[in-house]
């Protein structure tokens, strides 16, 4: 059985069952974390889109240093 990698934290894990689609997350905590992130991203996108439509939005470049 090949190892899968969690879409949230990147940890390797194995499938519990062979039936059905492969899981994306290694644990319930990771699944919940992604749900929270999705809700936040959706809220931020709607706020940003509304501000841009009203003429208050600005496009800024963000420098990310790794």
Protein backbone atom coordinates (compact mmCIF):
# COMPACT_ATOMS: atom_id res chain seq x y z
CA UNK A 1 0.00 0.00 0.00
CA UNK A 2 1.45 3.37 -0.97
CA UNK A 3 1.67 6.23 1.52
CA UNK A 4 -0.64 9.19 1.07
CA UNK A 5 0.25 12.70 2.21
CA UNK A 6 -2.10 14.96 4.15
CA UNK A 7 -3.27 18.04 2.22
CA UNK A 8 -3.22 20.07 5.46
CA UNK A 9 -0.01 19.19 7.29
CA UNK A 10 1.89 17.09 4.74
CA UNK A 11 2.36 14.07 7.02
CA UNK A 12 2.36 10.64 5.39
CA UNK A 13 -0.49 8.29 6.32
CA UNK A 14 -2.07 5.06 5.13
CA UNK A 15 -5.63 4.47 4.01
CA UNK A 16 -7.82 2.80 6.61
CA UNK A 17 -10.00 1.15 3.92
CA UNK A 18 -9.48 0.33 0.25
CA UNK A 19 -13.07 1.12 -0.71
CA UNK A 20 -14.12 4.57 -1.85
CA UNK A 21 -12.04 7.61 -2.73
CA UNK A 22 -8.68 8.22 -1.07
CA UNK A 23 -8.85 10.57 1.91
CA UNK A 24 -7.13 13.96 1.67
CA UNK A 25 -6.39 14.45 5.38
CA UNK A 26 -4.60 12.33 7.97
CA UNK A 27 -6.93 13.12 10.87
CA UNK A 28 -10.20 14.69 11.91
CA UNK A 29 -8.24 17.67 13.26
CA UNK A 30 -6.73 18.37 9.83
CA UNK A 31 -10.13 18.03 8.17
CA UNK A 32 -11.62 20.55 10.62
CA UNK A 33 -8.67 22.91 10.17
CA UNK A 34 -9.23 22.97 6.41
CA UNK A 35 -12.97 23.59 6.93
CA UNK A 36 -12.14 26.62 9.10
CA UNK A 37 -9.64 27.90 6.53
CA UNK A 38 -12.18 27.52 3.71
CA UNK A 39 -14.80 29.49 5.63
CA UNK A 40 -12.24 32.22 6.37
CA UNK A 41 -11.02 32.37 2.76
CA UNK A 42 -14.59 32.57 1.47
CA UNK A 43 -15.43 35.38 3.89
CA UNK A 44 -12.26 37.28 2.97
CA UNK A 45 -12.92 36.86 -0.75
CA UNK A 46 -16.46 38.21 -0.43
CA UNK A 47 -15.27 41.21 1.64
CA UNK A 48 -12.47 41.92 -0.85
CA UNK A 49 -14.77 41.61 -3.87
CA UNK A 50 -17.34 43.92 -2.29
CA UNK A 51 -14.70 46.55 -1.46
CA UNK A 52 -13.29 46.34 -4.98
CA UNK A 53 -16.77 46.80 -6.52
CA UNK A 54 -17.33 49.86 -4.34
CA UNK A 55 -14.05 51.38 -5.54
CA UNK A 56 -12.21 50.97 -2.25
CA UNK A 57 -10.21 47.94 -3.28
CA UNK A 58 -6.59 48.21 -4.20
CA UNK A 59 -4.28 45.68 -5.67
CA UNK A 60 -1.10 45.33 -3.65
CA UNK A 61 1.94 43.20 -4.16
CA UNK A 62 2.92 41.27 -1.05
CA UNK A 63 6.53 40.27 -0.59
CA UNK A 64 6.94 36.92 1.09
CA UNK A 65 10.33 36.01 2.47
CA UNK A 66 11.02 32.35 3.00
